């Protein structure tokens, strides 16, 4: 009998990933929060900070698109 996949008491088991729908909703909510902050930064005229939020939003959107099956 092959016992290589058995978790022993001294080992840590990785927790199961969150359910796909709740994980995706969390990602979308994070993106929406970034969009709100980005808009505030654009309106106050801090272009450097707004550009940083542009990059964060792009990364978050890419992650959401890549994990569309989740």
Protein backbone atom coordinates (compact mmCIF):
# COMPACT_ATOMS: atom_id res chain seq x y z
CA UNK A 1 0.00 0.00 0.00
CA UNK A 2 1.37 3.39 -0.98
CA UNK A 3 1.20 5.84 1.93
CA UNK A 4 2.94 8.87 0.41
CA UNK A 5 -0.21 11.01 0.51
CA UNK A 6 -0.99 10.36 4.17
CA UNK A 7 -0.66 13.43 6.40
CA UNK A 8 1.13 12.61 9.61
CA UNK A 9 0.42 14.35 12.92
CA UNK A 10 3.62 16.43 12.74
CA UNK A 11 2.87 17.70 9.22
CA UNK A 12 0.63 20.58 8.27
CA UNK A 13 -2.11 19.88 5.82
CA UNK A 14 -2.91 22.70 3.44
CA UNK A 15 -6.42 24.02 3.95
CA UNK A 16 -8.86 23.53 1.11
CA UNK A 17 -9.20 26.52 -1.21
CA UNK A 18 -12.23 28.73 -0.68
CA UNK A 19 -15.23 27.94 -2.79
CA UNK A 20 -14.96 29.32 -6.30
CA UNK A 21 -17.90 31.71 -6.17
CA UNK A 22 -16.99 33.36 -2.87
CA UNK A 23 -13.35 33.69 -3.93
CA UNK A 24 -14.34 35.29 -7.22
CA UNK A 25 -16.78 37.65 -5.50
CA UNK A 26 -14.04 38.67 -3.07
CA UNK A 27 -11.73 39.44 -6.00
CA UNK A 28 -14.42 41.49 -7.74
CA UNK A 29 -15.17 43.44 -4.55
CA UNK A 30 -11.45 44.19 -4.14
CA UNK A 31 -11.38 45.45 -7.72
CA UNK A 32 -14.38 47.69 -7.05
CA UNK A 33 -12.67 49.13 -3.98
CA UNK A 34 -9.57 49.87 -6.03
CA UNK A 35 -11.74 51.61 -8.63
CA UNK A 36 -13.31 53.87 -5.98
CA UNK A 37 -9.93 54.83 -4.53
CA UNK A 38 -8.50 55.39 -8.01
CA UNK A 39 -11.36 57.75 -8.87
CA UNK A 40 -10.76 59.73 -5.68
CA UNK A 41 -7.06 59.96 -6.52
CA UNK A 42 -7.84 61.14 -10.06
CA UNK A 43 -10.21 63.82 -8.74
CA UNK A 44 -7.74 65.18 -6.19
CA UNK A 45 -5.04 65.50 -8.84
CA UNK A 46 -2.41 63.11 -7.47
CA UNK A 47 -1.41 61.53 -10.76
CA UNK A 48 1.36 59.34 -9.33
CA UNK A 49 -0.95 57.70 -6.84
CA UNK A 50 -3.71 57.30 -9.43
CA UNK A 51 -1.22 55.62 -11.78
CA UNK A 52 -0.29 53.20 -9.01
CA UNK A 53 -3.97 52.31 -8.59
CA UNK A 54 -4.23 51.87 -12.38
CA UNK A 55 -1.50 49.24 -12.17
CA UNK A 56 -3.10 47.53 -9.17
CA UNK A 57 -6.46 47.43 -10.92
CA UNK A 58 -4.90 46.00 -14.08
CA UNK A 59 -3.21 43.26 -12.07
CA UNK A 60 -6.41 42.47 -10.18
CA UNK A 61 -8.48 42.36 -13.37
CA UNK A 62 -5.92 40.09 -15.04
CA UNK A 63 -6.08 37.77 -12.03
CA UNK A 64 -9.89 37.70 -12.16
CA UNK A 65 -9.85 36.93 -15.88
CA UNK A 66 -7.24 34.17 -15.51
CA UNK A 67 -9.26 32.56 -12.74
CA UNK A 68 -12.64 32.82 -14.41
CA UNK A 69 -13.22 29.11 -13.82
CA UNK A 70 -13.06 29.63 -10.04
